[in-house]
Amino acid sequence: MTDGPDARWLGLNERQSAIVRIVRDRGYASIGSLADTFGVSQQTVRRDIIELSRRNLVQRYHGGAGLPTGRDRLAYANRRVRNAEAKRRIARAVAAEIPNGASLFIDIGTTTEAVAEALLRHRGLRIVTNHVGVVWLFCQHTDFEIVLAGGMVRNRDLAIIGTATADFLEGFRVAYGIFGVGAIDPEGNLLDYDYRDMRTSRAAMAIARRRFVVADAAKFHGDAMIRLGHLDEIDALFTDADPPAEIASRLEAAGTRLVVAGREEAPRATPPADRAALGG
């Protein structure tokens, strides 16, 4: 393993530089897994994480390290490649749940965009979304019926948000809603970073008969503070690794299904396609 730019410019040793790369690739790494990877003690890894956290190269968490997020959200282009493989696995699991001909809402975000890509081989879907990127993707590759919500366009992530967007969505009913979040806290709250997303997300949740939240494991350690909802308000959480014990307990108490993509393959839905009108 060779030293990367961090090692050259910041004086990191080979192991510390590798830890930074692993955290950037995965979004989060536990102390135990890092100790096993490098064949060193957990205390050694803990000291490395403390030093890397001091330099703001990783965010220190109890039991591991994640990406340094602070208050600023990562640029959208960077977030698209962050945990990309985990997002693709999650997306495939969600797509297996959606029957051909279904109506669904697709939320803004990079994981929901991955779900849209996983749906490209479906037939006859009817989509409501506030994500310009999702509309562009479907228009290029499918003949799906697509409704784009009105409102203000946020350039950095191609989201359409605002009061007008929420009001627009209230006129629809869909069979499935696919939602992204910025974080899930130990109390089971679904959180995001931008308060302007809150009303739109709440309105979208209200129009979906079945609500799926998609979140890679890094979201269990996020620092978002705007509350969008709770695990007891959704039907299933799709992720790529077991959640922390507190969140797992909240899921069980809420009766919310947990799908760990890649370990539990969600069966393809078999009910007949939902034929209810989007506006019904």
C-alpha atoms as a PDB file:
ATOM      1  CA  MET A   1       0.000   0.000   0.000  1.00  0.00           C
ATOM      2  CA  THR A   2       1.549   3.310  -1.031  1.00  0.00           C
ATOM      3  CA  ASP A   3       1.281   6.655   0.627  1.00  0.00           C
ATOM      4  CA  GLY A   4      -1.329   8.981  -0.862  1.00  0.00           C
ATOM      5  CA  PRO A   5      -1.427  12.771  -0.931  1.00  0.00           C
ATOM      6  CA  ASP A   6      -2.378  12.915   2.745  1.00  0.00           C
ATOM      7  CA  ALA A   7       0.785  11.067   3.707  1.00  0.00           C
ATOM      8  CA  ARG A   8       3.029  13.274   1.563  1.00  0.00           C
ATOM      9  CA  TRP A   9       1.605  16.617   2.541  1.00  0.00           C
ATOM     10  CA  LEU A  10       0.346  16.047   6.071  1.00  0.00           C
ATOM     11  CA  GLY A  11       3.028  13.815   7.485  1.00  0.00           C
ATOM     12  CA  LEU A  12       0.764  10.795   7.981  1.00  0.00           C
ATOM     13  CA  ASN A  13       2.154   7.318   8.232  1.00  0.00           C
ATOM     14  CA  GLU A  14       1.070   4.641   5.763  1.00  0.00           C
ATOM     15  CA  ARG A  15      -1.618   3.223   8.046  1.00  0.00           C
ATOM     16  CA  GLN A  16      -3.126   6.626   8.829  1.00  0.00           C
ATOM     17  CA  SER A  17      -3.266   7.530   5.147  1.00  0.00           C
ATOM     18  CA  ALA A  18      -4.968   4.199   4.426  1.00  0.00           C
ATOM     19  CA  ILE A  19      -7.518   4.814   7.194  1.00  0.00           C
ATOM     20  CA  VAL A  20      -8.454   8.124   5.566  1.00  0.00           C
ATOM     21  CA  ARG A  21      -8.922   6.399   2.200  1.00  0.00           C
ATOM     22  CA  ILE A  22     -11.051   3.633   3.730  1.00  0.00           C
ATOM     23  CA  VAL A  23     -13.287   6.134   5.514  1.00  0.00           C
ATOM     24  CA  ARG A  24     -13.670   8.182   2.335  1.00  0.00           C
ATOM     25  CA  ASP A  25     -14.603   5.075   0.360  1.00  0.00           C
ATOM     26  CA  ARG A  26     -17.046   3.639   2.891  1.00  0.00           C
ATOM     27  CA  GLY A  27     -18.277   6.699   4.756  1.00  0.00           C
ATOM     28  CA  TYR A  28     -17.670   4.955   8.096  1.00  0.00           C
ATOM     29  CA  ALA A  29     -15.291   2.316   9.463  1.00  0.00           C
ATOM     30  CA  SER A  30     -15.326   0.677  12.887  1.00  0.00           C
ATOM     31  CA  ILE A  31     -12.247   0.493  15.094  1.00  0.00           C
ATOM     32  CA  GLY A  32     -12.524  -3.293  15.147  1.00  0.00           C
ATOM     33  CA  SER A  33     -12.583  -3.651  11.360  1.00  0.00           C
ATOM     34  CA  LEU A  34      -9.635  -1.274  10.961  1.00  0.00           C
ATOM     35  CA  ALA A  35      -7.637  -3.156  13.594  1.00  0.00           C
ATOM     36  CA  ASP A  36      -8.282  -6.408  11.724  1.00  0.00           C
ATOM     37  CA  THR A  37      -7.354  -4.836   8.386  1.00  0.00           C
ATOM     38  CA  PHE A  38      -3.974  -3.610   9.605  1.00  0.00           C
ATOM     39  CA  GLY A  39      -3.211  -6.328  12.136  1.00  0.00           C
ATOM     40  CA  VAL A  40      -2.783  -3.877  15.007  1.00  0.00           C
ATOM     41  CA  SER A  41      -4.518  -3.340  18.326  1.00  0.00           C
ATOM     42  CA  GLN A  42      -7.736  -1.381  18.647  1.00  0.00           C
ATOM     43  CA  GLN A  43      -5.895   1.052  20.908  1.00  0.00           C
ATOM     44  CA  THR A  44      -3.444   1.781  18.078  1.00  0.00           C
ATOM     45  CA  VAL A  45      -6.311   2.470  15.681  1.00  0.00           C
ATOM     46  CA  ARG A  46      -8.005   4.623  18.302  1.00  0.00           C
ATOM     47  CA  ARG A  47      -4.867   6.768  18.593  1.00  0.00           C
ATOM     48  CA  ASP A  48      -4.729   7.088  14.804  1.00  0.00           C
ATOM     49  CA  ILE A  49      -8.357   8.213  14.691  1.00  0.00           C
ATOM     50  CA  ILE A  50      -7.762  10.785  17.420  1.00  0.00           C
ATOM     51  CA  GLU A  51      -4.866  12.226  15.420  1.00  0.00           C
ATOM     52  CA  LEU A  52      -6.790  12.192  12.128  1.00  0.00           C
ATOM     53  CA  SER A  53      -9.770  13.808  13.815  1.00  0.00           C
ATOM     54  CA  ARG A  54      -7.512  16.530  15.198  1.00  0.00           C
ATOM     55  CA  ARG A  55      -6.478  17.287  11.613  1.00  0.00           C
ATOM     56  CA  ASN A  56     -10.132  17.212  10.491  1.00  0.00           C
ATOM     57  CA  LEU A  57      -9.454  14.333   8.087  1.00  0.00           C
ATOM     58  CA  VAL A  58     -12.042  12.080   9.745  1.00  0.00           C
ATOM     59  CA  GLN A  59     -14.855  12.546  12.245  1.00  0.00           C
ATOM     60  CA  ARG A  60     -14.348  10.568  15.440  1.00  0.00           C
ATOM     61  CA  TYR A  61     -17.324   8.535  16.665  1.00  0.00           C
ATOM     62  CA  HIS A  62     -17.762   6.083  19.503  1.00  0.00           C
ATOM     63  CA  GLY A  63     -16.409   2.847  18.055  1.00  0.00           C
ATOM     64  CA  GLY A  64     -15.183   4.177  14.734  1.00  0.00           C
ATOM     65  CA  ALA A  65     -14.554   7.026  12.304  1.00  0.00           C
ATOM     66  CA  GLY A  66     -16.617   8.694   9.593  1.00  0.00           C
ATOM     67  CA  LEU A  67     -16.307  11.497   7.093  1.00  0.00           C
ATOM     68  CA  PRO A  68     -15.793  14.984   8.532  1.00  0.00           C
ATOM     69  CA  THR A  69     -19.123  16.631   7.762  1.00  0.00           C
ATOM     70  CA  GLY A  70     -19.437  19.549  10.154  1.00  0.00           C
ATOM     71  CA  ARG A  71     -22.294  21.857   9.261  1.00  0.00           C
ATOM     72  CA  ASP A  72     -21.601  22.000   5.534  1.00  0.00           C
ATOM     73  CA  ARG A  73     -23.012  19.388   3.228  1.00  0.00           C
ATOM     74  CA  LEU A  74     -20.667  17.774   0.743  1.00  0.00           C
ATOM     75  CA  ALA A  75     -20.867  19.015  -2.823  1.00  0.00           C
ATOM     76  CA  TYR A  76     -23.465  17.028  -4.713  1.00  0.00           C
ATOM     77  CA  ALA A  77     -20.960  15.598  -7.192  1.00  0.00           C
ATOM     78  CA  ASN A  78     -18.838  14.313  -4.317  1.00  0.00           C
ATOM     79  CA  ARG A  79     -21.844  12.849  -2.529  1.00  0.00           C
ATOM     80  CA  ARG A  80     -22.823  10.900  -5.641  1.00  0.00           C
ATOM     81  CA  VAL A  81     -19.606   8.878  -5.440  1.00  0.00           C
ATOM     82  CA  ARG A  82     -19.516   8.643  -1.662  1.00  0.00           C
ATOM     83  CA  ASN A  83     -20.485   5.073  -0.654  1.00  0.00           C
ATOM     84  CA  ALA A  84     -21.466   4.486  -4.284  1.00  0.00           C
ATOM     85  CA  GLU A  85     -21.424   0.687  -4.143  1.00  0.00           C
ATOM     86  CA  ALA A  86     -23.500   0.642  -0.944  1.00  0.00           C
ATOM     87  CA  LYS A  87     -26.046   2.925  -2.605  1.00  0.00           C
ATOM     88  CA  ARG A  88     -26.243   0.652  -5.639  1.00  0.00           C
ATOM     89  CA  ARG A  89     -26.905  -2.387  -3.430  1.00  0.00           C
ATOM     90  CA  ILE A  90     -29.600  -0.503  -1.552  1.00  0.00           C
ATOM     91  CA  ALA A  91     -31.113   0.669  -4.833  1.00  0.00           C
ATOM     92  CA  ARG A  92     -31.332  -2.866  -6.225  1.00  0.00           C
ATOM     93  CA  ALA A  93     -33.089  -4.053  -3.076  1.00  0.00           C
ATOM     94  CA  VAL A  94     -35.650  -1.259  -3.334  1.00  0.00           C
ATOM     95  CA  ALA A  95     -36.212  -1.796  -7.058  1.00  0.00           C
ATOM     96  CA  ALA A  96     -37.017  -5.455  -6.363  1.00  0.00           C
ATOM     97  CA  GLU A  97     -39.968  -4.278  -4.250  1.00  0.00           C
ATOM     98  CA  ILE A  98     -41.543  -2.098  -6.941  1.00  0.00           C
ATOM     99  CA  PRO A  99     -43.894  -3.847  -9.414  1.00  0.00           C
ATOM    100  CA  ASN A 100     -44.195  -2.819 -13.034  1.00  0.00           C
ATOM    101  CA  GLY A 101     -46.905  -0.220 -13.553  1.00  0.00           C
ATOM    102  CA  ALA A 102     -46.655   1.170 -10.019  1.00  0.00           C
ATOM    103  CA  SER A 103     -47.031   4.813  -9.047  1.00  0.00           C
ATOM    104  CA  LEU A 104     -44.309   6.234  -6.844  1.00  0.00           C
ATOM    105  CA  PHE A 105     -42.699   9.357  -5.467  1.00  0.00           C
ATOM    106  CA  ILE A 106     -38.904   9.669  -5.636  1.00  0.00           C
ATOM    107  CA  ASP A 107     -37.290  12.114  -3.231  1.00  0.00           C
ATOM    108  CA  ILE A 108     -34.192  14.248  -3.765  1.00  0.00           C
ATOM    109  CA  GLY A 109     -30.769  12.846  -2.907  1.00  0.00           C
ATOM    110  CA  THR A 110     -27.974  10.672  -4.236  1.00  0.00           C
ATOM    111  CA  THR A 111     -29.310   7.383  -2.846  1.00  0.00           C
ATOM    112  CA  THR A 112     -32.761   7.981  -4.302  1.00  0.00           C
ATOM    113  CA  GLU A 113     -31.069   8.837  -7.602  1.00  0.00           C
ATOM    114  CA  ALA A 114     -29.394   5.418  -7.430  1.00  0.00           C
ATOM    115  CA  VAL A 115     -32.854   3.887  -6.921  1.00  0.00           C
ATOM    116  CA  ALA A 116     -34.041   5.662 -10.062  1.00  0.00           C
ATOM    117  CA  GLU A 117     -31.170   4.099 -12.009  1.00  0.00           C
ATOM    118  CA  ALA A 118     -32.100   0.670 -10.646  1.00  0.00           C
ATOM    119  CA  LEU A 119     -35.669   1.150 -11.919  1.00  0.00           C
ATOM    120  CA  LEU A 120     -34.707   1.742 -15.547  1.00  0.00           C
ATOM    121  CA  ARG A 121     -35.649  -1.786 -16.626  1.00  0.00           C
ATOM    122  CA  HIS A 122     -39.130  -1.551 -15.141  1.00  0.00           C
ATOM    123  CA  ARG A 123     -42.147  -0.987 -17.358  1.00  0.00           C
ATOM    124  CA  GLY A 124     -45.027   1.427 -17.105  1.00  0.00           C
ATOM    125  CA  LEU A 125     -43.969   3.278 -13.959  1.00  0.00           C
ATOM    126  CA  ARG A 126     -45.680   6.543 -13.101  1.00  0.00           C
ATOM    127  CA  ILE A 127     -43.346   8.863 -11.247  1.00  0.00           C
ATOM    128  CA  VAL A 128     -43.865  11.983  -9.161  1.00  0.00           C
ATOM    129  CA  THR A 129     -40.625  13.675  -8.102  1.00  0.00           C
ATOM    130  CA  ASN A 130     -39.051  16.959  -7.086  1.00  0.00           C
ATOM    131  CA  HIS A 131     -35.630  15.865  -8.387  1.00  0.00           C
ATOM    132  CA  VAL A 132     -34.668  17.297 -11.779  1.00  0.00           C
ATOM    133  CA  GLY A 133     -31.852  14.749 -12.102  1.00  0.00           C
ATOM    134  CA  VAL A 134     -34.321  11.870 -11.798  1.00  0.00           C
ATOM    135  CA  VAL A 135     -36.532  13.387 -14.496  1.00  0.00           C
ATOM    136  CA  TRP A 136     -33.566  13.753 -16.842  1.00  0.00           C
ATOM    137  CA  LEU A 137     -32.482  10.158 -16.222  1.00  0.00           C
ATOM    138  CA  PHE A 138     -35.929   8.731 -16.931  1.00  0.00           C
ATOM    139  CA  CYS A 139     -36.500  10.930 -19.971  1.00  0.00           C
ATOM    140  CA  GLN A 140     -33.263   9.664 -21.517  1.00  0.00           C
ATOM    141  CA  HIS A 141     -33.908   5.967 -20.967  1.00  0.00           C
ATOM    142  CA  THR A 142     -37.608   5.210 -20.436  1.00  0.00           C
ATOM    143  CA  ASP A 143     -41.134   6.059 -21.505  1.00  0.00           C
ATOM    144  CA  PHE A 144     -42.382   6.363 -17.920  1.00  0.00           C
ATOM    145  CA  GLU A 145     -45.109   8.857 -17.113  1.00  0.00           C
ATOM    146  CA  ILE A 146     -43.327  11.566 -15.122  1.00  0.00           C
ATOM    147  CA  VAL A 147     -44.706  14.440 -13.063  1.00  0.00           C
ATOM    148  CA  LEU A 148     -42.175  17.061 -11.953  1.00  0.00           C
ATOM    149  CA  ALA A 149     -43.267  19.102  -8.948  1.00  0.00           C
ATOM    150  CA  GLY A 150     -43.253  22.867  -9.292  1.00  0.00           C
ATOM    151  CA  GLY A 151     -41.327  25.244  -7.069  1.00  0.00           C
ATOM    152  CA  MET A 152     -37.891  26.786  -6.618  1.00  0.00           C
ATOM    153  CA  VAL A 153     -34.895  24.961  -8.129  1.00  0.00           C
ATOM    154  CA  ARG A 154     -31.889  24.583  -5.833  1.00  0.00           C
ATOM    155  CA  ASN A 155     -28.972  24.544  -8.249  1.00  0.00           C
ATOM    156  CA  ARG A 156     -26.455  22.609  -6.175  1.00  0.00           C
ATOM    157  CA  ASP A 157     -28.465  19.361  -6.126  1.00  0.00           C
ATOM    158  CA  LEU A 158     -31.206  19.949  -8.743  1.00  0.00           C
ATOM    159  CA  ALA A 159     -33.883  19.784  -6.042  1.00  0.00           C
ATOM    160  CA  ILE A 160     -37.216  21.568  -6.337  1.00  0.00           C
ATOM    161  CA  ILE A 161     -38.259  22.838  -2.936  1.00  0.00           C
ATOM    162  CA  GLY A 162     -40.433  25.352  -1.148  1.00  0.00           C
ATOM    163  CA  THR A 163     -44.013  25.974  -0.123  1.00  0.00           C
ATOM    164  CA  ALA A 164     -45.263  25.759  -3.706  1.00  0.00           C
ATOM    165  CA  THR A 165     -43.684  22.306  -4.045  1.00  0.00           C
ATOM    166  CA  ALA A 166     -45.362  21.008  -0.904  1.00  0.00           C
ATOM    167  CA  ASP A 167     -48.716  22.424  -1.998  1.00  0.00           C
ATOM    168  CA  PHE A 168     -48.315  20.820  -5.426  1.00  0.00           C
ATOM    169  CA  LEU A 169     -47.609  17.374  -3.972  1.00  0.00           C
ATOM    170  CA  GLU A 170     -50.717  17.432  -1.790  1.00  0.00           C
ATOM    171  CA  GLY A 171     -52.840  16.827  -4.884  1.00  0.00           C
ATOM    172  CA  PHE A 172     -51.385  13.349  -5.519  1.00  0.00           C
ATOM    173  CA  ARG A 173     -51.576   9.830  -4.105  1.00  0.00           C
ATOM    174  CA  VAL A 174     -48.972   7.187  -4.964  1.00  0.00           C
ATOM    175  CA  ALA A 175     -48.427   3.566  -4.017  1.00  0.00           C
ATOM    176  CA  TYR A 176     -44.783   3.956  -2.974  1.00  0.00           C
ATOM    177  CA  GLY A 177     -42.592   6.750  -1.661  1.00  0.00           C
ATOM    178  CA  ILE A 178     -38.788   6.502  -1.774  1.00  0.00           C
ATOM    179  CA  PHE A 179     -37.120   8.891   0.657  1.00  0.00           C
ATOM    180  CA  GLY A 180     -33.552   9.815   1.496  1.00  0.00           C
ATOM    181  CA  VAL A 181     -32.370  11.262   4.801  1.00  0.00           C
ATOM    182  CA  GLY A 182     -29.295  13.051   6.090  1.00  0.00           C
ATOM    183  CA  ALA A 183     -29.124  11.010   9.285  1.00  0.00           C
ATOM    184  CA  ILE A 184     -31.028   8.692  11.620  1.00  0.00           C
ATOM    185  CA  ASP A 185     -30.432   9.322  15.309  1.00  0.00           C
ATOM    186  CA  PRO A 186     -30.542   6.816  18.213  1.00  0.00           C
ATOM    187  CA  GLU A 187     -34.097   7.937  19.060  1.00  0.00           C
ATOM    188  CA  GLY A 188     -35.267   6.894  15.603  1.00  0.00           C
ATOM    189  CA  ASN A 189     -35.710  10.405  14.216  1.00  0.00           C
ATOM    190  CA  LEU A 190     -35.267  10.894  10.469  1.00  0.00           C
ATOM    191  CA  LEU A 191     -33.133  13.999  10.012  1.00  0.00           C
ATOM    192  CA  ASP A 192     -31.897  16.289   7.252  1.00  0.00           C
ATOM    193  CA  TYR A 193     -29.642  19.325   6.898  1.00  0.00           C
ATOM    194  CA  ASP A 194     -31.783  21.965   5.206  1.00  0.00           C
ATOM    195  CA  TYR A 195     -34.951  23.233   6.869  1.00  0.00           C
ATOM    196  CA  ARG A 196     -36.302  24.144   3.428  1.00  0.00           C
ATOM    197  CA  ASP A 197     -36.585  20.433   2.633  1.00  0.00           C
ATOM    198  CA  MET A 198     -38.744  19.689   5.657  1.00  0.00           C
ATOM    199  CA  ARG A 199     -42.197  20.723   4.446  1.00  0.00           C
ATOM    200  CA  THR A 200     -41.655  19.173   1.019  1.00  0.00           C
ATOM    201  CA  SER A 201     -40.553  15.871   2.542  1.00  0.00           C
ATOM    202  CA  ARG A 202     -43.465  15.834   4.969  1.00  0.00           C
ATOM    203  CA  ALA A 203     -45.941  16.516   2.168  1.00  0.00           C
ATOM    204  CA  ALA A 204     -44.410  13.737   0.074  1.00  0.00           C
ATOM    205  CA  MET A 205     -44.612  11.252   2.939  1.00  0.00           C
ATOM    206  CA  ALA A 206     -48.296  12.045   3.330  1.00  0.00           C
ATOM    207  CA  ILE A 207     -49.127  11.089  -0.274  1.00  0.00           C
ATOM    208  CA  ALA A 208     -47.430   7.661  -0.249  1.00  0.00           C
ATOM    209  CA  ARG A 209     -49.267   4.517   0.850  1.00  0.00           C
ATOM    210  CA  ARG A 210     -45.988   2.685   1.505  1.00  0.00           C
ATOM    211  CA  ARG A 211     -42.917   4.618   2.605  1.00  0.00           C
ATOM    212  CA  PHE A 212     -39.369   3.350   2.077  1.00  0.00           C
ATOM    213  CA  VAL A 213     -36.347   5.176   3.514  1.00  0.00           C
ATOM    214  CA  VAL A 214     -32.969   4.534   1.900  1.00  0.00           C
ATOM    215  CA  ALA A 215     -29.848   5.241   3.961  1.00  0.00           C
ATOM    216  CA  ASP A 216     -26.336   3.833   3.832  1.00  0.00           C
ATOM    217  CA  ALA A 217     -24.681   2.970   7.148  1.00  0.00           C
ATOM    218  CA  ALA A 218     -22.859   6.302   7.360  1.00  0.00           C
ATOM    219  CA  LYS A 219     -26.252   7.954   7.969  1.00  0.00           C
ATOM    220  CA  PHE A 220     -26.385   6.254  11.381  1.00  0.00           C
ATOM    221  CA  HIS A 221     -23.562   8.562  12.428  1.00  0.00           C
ATOM    222  CA  GLY A 222     -24.593  11.796  10.689  1.00  0.00           C
ATOM    223  CA  ASP A 223     -25.013  15.188  12.336  1.00  0.00           C
ATOM    224  CA  ALA A 224     -28.150  16.528  10.618  1.00  0.00           C
ATOM    225  CA  MET A 225     -30.544  18.423  12.888  1.00  0.00           C
ATOM    226  CA  ILE A 226     -33.796  19.055  10.970  1.00  0.00           C
ATOM    227  CA  ARG A 227     -36.460  16.496  11.887  1.00  0.00           C
ATOM    228  CA  LEU A 228     -38.422  15.058   8.959  1.00  0.00           C
ATOM    229  CA  GLY A 229     -40.166  12.194  10.732  1.00  0.00           C
ATOM    230  CA  HIS A 230     -39.609   8.997  12.697  1.00  0.00           C
ATOM    231  CA  LEU A 231     -38.947   5.338  11.981  1.00  0.00           C
ATOM    232  CA  ASP A 232     -42.462   4.520  13.167  1.00  0.00           C
ATOM    233  CA  GLU A 233     -43.859   6.534  10.225  1.00  0.00           C
ATOM    234  CA  ILE A 234     -42.267   4.381   7.516  1.00  0.00           C
ATOM    235  CA  ASP A 235     -42.777   0.830   6.265  1.00  0.00           C
ATOM    236  CA  ALA A 236     -39.178  -0.175   5.620  1.00  0.00           C
ATOM    237  CA  LEU A 237     -35.606   1.012   6.055  1.00  0.00           C
ATOM    238  CA  PHE A 238     -33.180  -0.099   3.344  1.00  0.00           C
ATOM    239  CA  THR A 239     -29.507   0.076   4.300  1.00  0.00           C
ATOM    240  CA  ASP A 240     -26.232  -1.749   3.683  1.00  0.00           C
ATOM    241  CA  ALA A 241     -25.204  -2.781   7.216  1.00  0.00           C
ATOM    242  CA  ASP A 242     -26.752  -3.552  10.567  1.00  0.00           C
ATOM    243  CA  PRO A 243     -27.766  -0.354  12.372  1.00  0.00           C
ATOM    244  CA  PRO A 244     -26.533   0.432  15.896  1.00  0.00           C
ATOM    245  CA  ALA A 245     -28.390  -1.336  18.700  1.00  0.00           C
ATOM    246  CA  GLU A 246     -30.453   1.731  19.631  1.00  0.00           C
ATOM    247  CA  ILE A 247     -31.759   2.163  16.093  1.00  0.00           C
ATOM    248  CA  ALA A 248     -32.379  -1.566  15.685  1.00  0.00           C
ATOM    249  CA  SER A 249     -34.438  -1.461  18.868  1.00  0.00           C
ATOM    250  CA  ARG A 250     -36.478   1.493  17.550  1.00  0.00           C
ATOM    251  CA  LEU A 251     -37.150  -0.362  14.310  1.00  0.00           C
ATOM    252  CA  GLU A 252     -38.367  -3.424  16.182  1.00  0.00           C
ATOM    253  CA  ALA A 253     -40.590  -1.364  18.476  1.00  0.00           C
ATOM    254  CA  ALA A 254     -42.085   0.464  15.492  1.00  0.00           C
ATOM    255  CA  GLY A 255     -42.677  -2.719  13.521  1.00  0.00           C
ATOM    256  CA  THR A 256     -40.679  -1.214  10.669  1.00  0.00           C
ATOM    257  CA  ARG A 257     -39.039  -3.701   8.344  1.00  0.00           C
ATOM    258  CA  LEU A 258     -35.240  -3.643   8.072  1.00  0.00           C
ATOM    259  CA  VAL A 259     -33.651  -4.684   4.776  1.00  0.00           C
ATOM    260  CA  VAL A 260     -29.857  -5.010   4.790  1.00  0.00           C
ATOM    261  CA  ALA A 261     -29.032  -4.983   1.094  1.00  0.00           C
ATOM    262  CA  GLY A 262     -26.708  -7.686  -0.130  1.00  0.00           C
ATOM    263  CA  ARG A 263     -27.498  -9.947   2.787  1.00  0.00           C
ATOM    264  CA  GLU A 264     -31.275 -10.111   2.534  1.00  0.00           C
ATOM    265  CA  GLU A 265     -32.474  -9.910  -1.025  1.00  0.00           C
ATOM    266  CA  ALA A 266     -35.913  -8.331  -1.002  1.00  0.00           C
ATOM    267  CA  PRO A 267     -38.356 -10.442  -3.054  1.00  0.00           C
ATOM    268  CA  ARG A 268     -39.815  -8.785  -6.121  1.00  0.00           C
ATOM    269  CA  ALA A 269     -43.309  -7.558  -5.410  1.00  0.00           C
ATOM    270  CA  THR A 270     -45.976  -9.742  -7.001  1.00  0.00           C
ATOM    271  CA  PRO A 271     -49.250  -7.805  -6.568  1.00  0.00           C
ATOM    272  CA  PRO A 272     -50.845  -6.488  -9.762  1.00  0.00           C
ATOM    273  CA  ALA A 273     -49.694  -3.071 -10.830  1.00  0.00           C
ATOM    274  CA  ASP A 274     -51.316  -0.224  -8.976  1.00  0.00           C
ATOM    275  CA  ARG A 275     -53.760   1.324 -11.414  1.00  0.00           C
ATOM    276  CA  ALA A 276     -55.017   4.153  -9.217  1.00  0.00           C
ATOM    277  CA  ALA A 277     -54.735   7.512 -10.909  1.00  0.00           C
ATOM    278  CA  LEU A 278     -51.843   9.639  -9.708  1.00  0.00           C
ATOM    279  CA  GLY A 279     -54.232  12.333  -8.700  1.00  0.00           C
ATOM    280  CA  GLY A 280     -56.673   9.949  -7.029  1.00  0.00           C
END
